[in-house]
Amino acid sequence: MTVIIKIEVIYDGNSYFLQTTKHAYANLMVLLLNELTDEDFGDCKGMGKCGTCLIEILEGNDDLERQDRNEETTLSKMKINQSNIRLACQLLVDESLMGIKIRVI
């Protein structure tokens, strides 16, 4: 049985409801780039080094821990230390994103 993952995204002042399935996209950045954002989103193509795919988790899974050293380094260089600010490229599209609400920064 295929699980539908539903995500609410605030982008450019508008609210969008996206649906996808587990691993349909390599990561959240690719989903957002494909469905909503412009070409300037995710310049490093998922390496966690550019900081152009910043999102803020507004509601949902609080257990989405940072697991990539590049993400920690990039956010640190940007002087971001809030745990709810993440790089979309470092979040896998799986059940952990079910029902999450995010804002593209």
N, C-alpha and C. Protein backbone atom coordinates (compact mmCIF):
# COMPACT_ATOMS: atom_id res chain seq x y z
N MET A 1 0.83 -1.18 0.00
CA MET A 1 0.00 0.00 0.00
C MET A 1 0.88 1.25 0.00
N THR A 2 0.60 2.17 -0.90
CA THR A 2 1.36 3.40 -1.00
C THR A 2 0.82 4.44 -0.02
N VAL A 3 1.73 5.00 0.77
CA VAL A 3 1.36 6.03 1.73
C VAL A 3 1.51 7.40 1.06
N ILE A 4 0.45 8.20 1.15
CA ILE A 4 0.48 9.55 0.61
C ILE A 4 0.99 10.50 1.70
N ILE A 5 2.04 11.22 1.41
CA ILE A 5 2.63 12.18 2.34
C ILE A 5 2.10 13.56 1.97
N LYS A 6 1.45 14.21 2.93
CA LYS A 6 0.85 15.53 2.70
C LYS A 6 1.66 16.58 3.45
N ILE A 7 2.00 17.64 2.74
CA ILE A 7 2.83 18.71 3.30
C ILE A 7 2.18 20.05 2.96
N GLU A 8 2.08 20.92 3.97
CA GLU A 8 1.59 22.28 3.71
C GLU A 8 2.82 23.19 3.61
N VAL A 9 2.83 24.00 2.57
CA VAL A 9 3.98 24.87 2.32
C VAL A 9 3.50 26.31 2.16
N ILE A 10 4.12 27.21 2.93
CA ILE A 10 3.89 28.63 2.74
C ILE A 10 5.05 29.14 1.88
N TYR A 11 4.71 29.63 0.70
CA TYR A 11 5.73 30.11 -0.22
C TYR A 11 5.25 31.41 -0.84
N ASP A 12 6.06 32.41 -0.76
CA ASP A 12 5.77 33.71 -1.36
C ASP A 12 4.41 34.24 -0.89
N GLY A 13 4.13 34.01 0.42
CA GLY A 13 2.90 34.51 1.02
C GLY A 13 1.65 33.69 0.76
N ASN A 14 1.77 32.63 -0.01
CA ASN A 14 0.62 31.78 -0.33
C ASN A 14 0.79 30.41 0.30
N SER A 15 -0.32 29.76 0.59
CA SER A 15 -0.31 28.43 1.18
C SER A 15 -0.61 27.39 0.09
N TYR A 16 0.21 26.34 0.07
CA TYR A 16 0.05 25.26 -0.91
C TYR A 16 0.01 23.93 -0.17
N PHE A 17 -0.75 23.00 -0.70
CA PHE A 17 -0.81 21.66 -0.12
C PHE A 17 -0.25 20.70 -1.16
N LEU A 18 0.89 20.10 -0.82
CA LEU A 18 1.55 19.16 -1.73
C LEU A 18 1.32 17.74 -1.25
N GLN A 19 1.21 16.84 -2.19
CA GLN A 19 1.11 15.42 -1.88
C GLN A 19 2.13 14.67 -2.70
N THR A 20 2.74 13.69 -2.06
CA THR A 20 3.72 12.87 -2.75
C THR A 20 3.78 11.51 -2.05
N THR A 21 4.66 10.67 -2.50
CA THR A 21 4.86 9.38 -1.87
C THR A 21 6.32 9.27 -1.42
N LYS A 22 6.56 8.32 -0.55
CA LYS A 22 7.90 8.11 -0.02
C LYS A 22 8.91 7.90 -1.14
N HIS A 23 9.98 8.64 -1.09
CA HIS A 23 11.10 8.56 -2.03
C HIS A 23 10.74 8.90 -3.48
N ALA A 24 9.59 9.56 -3.69
CA ALA A 24 9.27 10.03 -5.04
C ALA A 24 10.25 11.13 -5.46
N TYR A 25 10.81 11.80 -4.46
CA TYR A 25 11.81 12.83 -4.68
C TYR A 25 13.01 12.51 -3.81
N ALA A 26 14.18 12.89 -4.23
CA ALA A 26 15.40 12.60 -3.46
C ALA A 26 15.36 13.25 -2.08
N ASN A 27 14.78 14.45 -2.02
CA ASN A 27 14.68 15.16 -0.75
C ASN A 27 13.62 16.25 -0.90
N LEU A 28 13.36 16.96 0.19
CA LEU A 28 12.33 18.00 0.19
C LEU A 28 12.68 19.14 -0.76
N MET A 29 13.95 19.47 -0.90
CA MET A 29 14.36 20.53 -1.81
C MET A 29 13.93 20.22 -3.24
N VAL A 30 14.13 19.00 -3.69
CA VAL A 30 13.78 18.62 -5.06
C VAL A 30 12.26 18.71 -5.25
N LEU A 31 11.49 18.28 -4.27
CA LEU A 31 10.04 18.39 -4.34
C LEU A 31 9.62 19.86 -4.47
N LEU A 32 10.16 20.70 -3.60
CA LEU A 32 9.80 22.12 -3.64
C LEU A 32 10.26 22.78 -4.94
N LEU A 33 11.44 22.45 -5.41
CA LEU A 33 11.96 23.00 -6.66
C LEU A 33 11.08 22.57 -7.83
N ASN A 34 10.65 21.34 -7.83
CA ASN A 34 9.83 20.80 -8.91
C ASN A 34 8.41 21.38 -8.89
N GLU A 35 7.85 21.58 -7.70
CA GLU A 35 6.44 21.95 -7.59
C GLU A 35 6.18 23.44 -7.37
N LEU A 36 7.12 24.17 -6.74
CA LEU A 36 6.79 25.53 -6.33
C LEU A 36 7.83 26.60 -6.62
N THR A 37 9.05 26.35 -6.25
CA THR A 37 10.04 27.42 -6.17
C THR A 37 10.69 27.69 -7.53
N ASP A 38 11.50 28.74 -7.55
CA ASP A 38 12.18 29.11 -8.78
C ASP A 38 13.58 28.50 -8.85
N GLU A 39 14.28 28.78 -9.90
CA GLU A 39 15.60 28.18 -10.17
C GLU A 39 16.65 28.51 -9.12
N ASP A 40 16.48 29.60 -8.39
CA ASP A 40 17.48 30.01 -7.40
C ASP A 40 17.41 29.21 -6.11
N PHE A 41 16.43 28.36 -5.99
CA PHE A 41 16.26 27.54 -4.80
C PHE A 41 17.13 26.29 -4.94
N GLY A 42 18.01 26.08 -3.98
CA GLY A 42 18.84 24.88 -4.00
C GLY A 42 19.99 24.95 -4.97
N ASP A 43 20.75 26.02 -4.94
CA ASP A 43 21.85 26.21 -5.88
C ASP A 43 22.90 25.09 -5.86
N CYS A 44 23.16 24.50 -4.70
CA CYS A 44 24.21 23.47 -4.63
C CYS A 44 23.66 22.08 -4.94
N LYS A 45 22.40 22.02 -5.31
CA LYS A 45 21.76 20.76 -5.75
C LYS A 45 21.77 19.67 -4.70
N GLY A 46 21.60 20.08 -3.44
CA GLY A 46 21.42 19.08 -2.38
C GLY A 46 22.64 18.72 -1.57
N MET A 47 23.70 19.47 -1.69
CA MET A 47 24.92 19.17 -0.95
C MET A 47 24.93 19.76 0.46
N GLY A 48 23.97 20.63 0.76
CA GLY A 48 23.91 21.23 2.09
C GLY A 48 24.94 22.31 2.32
N LYS A 49 25.39 22.95 1.25
CA LYS A 49 26.49 23.91 1.36
C LYS A 49 26.11 25.35 1.03
N CYS A 50 25.02 25.59 0.31
CA CYS A 50 24.76 26.95 -0.16
C CYS A 50 23.76 27.72 0.70
N GLY A 51 22.86 27.03 1.35
CA GLY A 51 21.87 27.68 2.20
C GLY A 51 20.73 28.34 1.45
N THR A 52 20.56 28.04 0.18
CA THR A 52 19.48 28.66 -0.60
C THR A 52 18.16 27.90 -0.52
N CYS A 53 18.12 26.81 0.21
CA CYS A 53 16.87 26.04 0.34
C CYS A 53 16.37 26.07 1.79
N LEU A 54 16.53 27.21 2.43
CA LEU A 54 16.11 27.34 3.83
C LEU A 54 14.60 27.23 3.97
N ILE A 55 14.18 26.46 4.97
CA ILE A 55 12.78 26.36 5.33
C ILE A 55 12.65 26.52 6.84
N GLU A 56 11.47 26.93 7.25
CA GLU A 56 11.14 26.99 8.67
C GLU A 56 10.02 25.98 8.92
N ILE A 57 10.22 25.10 9.87
CA ILE A 57 9.19 24.14 10.23
C ILE A 57 8.24 24.84 11.18
N LEU A 58 7.00 25.04 10.75
CA LEU A 58 6.00 25.74 11.54
C LEU A 58 5.20 24.79 12.43
N GLU A 59 4.86 23.64 11.90
CA GLU A 59 4.11 22.63 12.63
C GLU A 59 4.53 21.25 12.14
N GLY A 60 4.42 20.30 13.02
CA GLY A 60 4.70 18.94 12.60
C GLY A 60 5.79 18.29 13.40
N ASN A 61 6.50 17.42 12.77
CA ASN A 61 7.48 16.56 13.40
C ASN A 61 8.63 17.36 14.04
N ASP A 62 8.70 17.28 15.36
CA ASP A 62 9.79 17.96 16.08
C ASP A 62 11.05 17.10 16.17
N ASP A 63 10.97 15.88 15.67
CA ASP A 63 12.09 14.95 15.78
C ASP A 63 12.99 14.95 14.55
N LEU A 64 12.86 15.93 13.70
CA LEU A 64 13.67 15.99 12.48
C LEU A 64 15.03 16.58 12.83
N GLU A 65 15.87 15.75 13.40
CA GLU A 65 17.19 16.20 13.84
C GLU A 65 18.13 16.40 12.66
N ARG A 66 19.02 17.33 12.82
CA ARG A 66 20.05 17.54 11.81
C ARG A 66 21.03 16.38 11.88
N GLN A 67 21.25 15.78 10.73
CA GLN A 67 22.12 14.61 10.69
C GLN A 67 23.34 14.81 9.81
N ASP A 68 23.37 15.92 9.12
CA ASP A 68 24.45 16.14 8.16
C ASP A 68 25.36 17.27 8.65
N ARG A 69 26.65 17.01 8.64
CA ARG A 69 27.62 18.00 9.08
C ARG A 69 27.60 19.25 8.19
N ASN A 70 27.37 19.07 6.89
CA ASN A 70 27.31 20.22 5.99
C ASN A 70 26.18 21.16 6.40
N GLU A 71 25.04 20.59 6.78
CA GLU A 71 23.91 21.42 7.20
C GLU A 71 24.28 22.23 8.44
N GLU A 72 24.86 21.59 9.42
CA GLU A 72 25.27 22.28 10.65
C GLU A 72 26.25 23.41 10.33
N THR A 73 27.23 23.13 9.49
CA THR A 73 28.24 24.12 9.12
C THR A 73 27.62 25.29 8.37
N THR A 74 26.77 24.99 7.40
CA THR A 74 26.14 26.04 6.59
C THR A 74 25.27 26.93 7.46
N LEU A 75 24.44 26.34 8.31
CA LEU A 75 23.56 27.13 9.17
C LEU A 75 24.37 27.94 10.18
N SER A 76 25.44 27.37 10.67
CA SER A 76 26.31 28.07 11.61
C SER A 76 26.93 29.30 10.95
N LYS A 77 27.41 29.15 9.72
CA LYS A 77 27.99 30.27 8.99
C LYS A 77 26.96 31.38 8.75
N MET A 78 25.68 30.97 8.63
CA MET A 78 24.61 31.93 8.41
C MET A 78 24.08 32.48 9.75
N LYS A 79 24.71 32.05 10.84
CA LYS A 79 24.34 32.46 12.19
C LYS A 79 22.89 32.08 12.53
N ILE A 80 22.50 30.89 12.10
CA ILE A 80 21.17 30.34 12.38
C ILE A 80 21.34 29.21 13.38
N ASN A 81 20.70 29.35 14.53
CA ASN A 81 20.81 28.29 15.53
C ASN A 81 19.45 27.76 15.98
N GLN A 82 18.37 28.20 15.35
CA GLN A 82 17.05 27.68 15.69
C GLN A 82 16.89 26.28 15.11
N SER A 83 16.40 25.36 15.92
CA SER A 83 16.27 23.97 15.47
C SER A 83 15.17 23.80 14.43
N ASN A 84 14.24 24.75 14.33
CA ASN A 84 13.16 24.61 13.35
C ASN A 84 13.51 25.22 11.99
N ILE A 85 14.72 25.76 11.85
CA ILE A 85 15.19 26.24 10.54
C ILE A 85 16.10 25.16 9.98
N ARG A 86 15.77 24.72 8.78
CA ARG A 86 16.49 23.60 8.18
C ARG A 86 16.80 23.88 6.72
N LEU A 87 17.69 23.07 6.17
CA LEU A 87 17.94 23.05 4.74
C LEU A 87 17.04 21.96 4.16
N ALA A 88 16.20 22.32 3.22
CA ALA A 88 15.26 21.35 2.65
C ALA A 88 15.98 20.18 1.98
N CYS A 89 17.19 20.43 1.50
CA CYS A 89 17.94 19.36 0.82
C CYS A 89 18.36 18.25 1.78
N GLN A 90 18.30 18.51 3.07
CA GLN A 90 18.74 17.51 4.05
C GLN A 90 17.58 16.75 4.68
N LEU A 91 16.38 16.96 4.17
CA LEU A 91 15.20 16.25 4.67
C LEU A 91 14.70 15.28 3.61
N LEU A 92 14.74 14.01 3.94
CA LEU A 92 14.25 12.98 3.02
C LEU A 92 12.73 13.05 2.95
N VAL A 93 12.19 12.74 1.79
CA VAL A 93 10.75 12.67 1.62
C VAL A 93 10.32 11.28 2.05
N ASP A 94 9.84 11.21 3.30
CA ASP A 94 9.33 9.95 3.84
C ASP A 94 8.26 10.26 4.89
N GLU A 95 7.83 9.27 5.64
CA GLU A 95 6.75 9.43 6.60
C GLU A 95 7.03 10.48 7.66
N SER A 96 8.29 10.81 7.91
CA SER A 96 8.62 11.81 8.91
C SER A 96 8.10 13.20 8.54
N LEU A 97 7.78 13.41 7.26
CA LEU A 97 7.25 14.70 6.81
C LEU A 97 5.73 14.73 6.78
N MET A 98 5.08 13.64 7.12
CA MET A 98 3.63 13.55 7.06
C MET A 98 2.99 14.65 7.91
N GLY A 99 2.17 15.48 7.27
CA GLY A 99 1.41 16.52 7.97
C GLY A 99 2.21 17.72 8.39
N ILE A 100 3.43 17.82 7.96
CA ILE A 100 4.28 18.94 8.36
C ILE A 100 3.82 20.22 7.65
N LYS A 101 4.02 21.34 8.32
CA LYS A 101 3.75 22.66 7.73
C LYS A 101 5.05 23.43 7.76
N ILE A 102 5.46 23.92 6.60
CA ILE A 102 6.73 24.64 6.50
C ILE A 102 6.54 25.96 5.79
N ARG A 103 7.51 26.84 5.97
CA ARG A 103 7.56 28.11 5.24
C ARG A 103 8.91 28.17 4.53
N VAL A 104 8.87 28.44 3.25
CA VAL A 104 10.11 28.63 2.49
C VAL A 104 10.61 30.03 2.81
N ILE A 105 11.86 30.10 3.28
CA ILE A 105 12.44 31.39 3.69
C ILE A 105 13.08 32.07 2.50
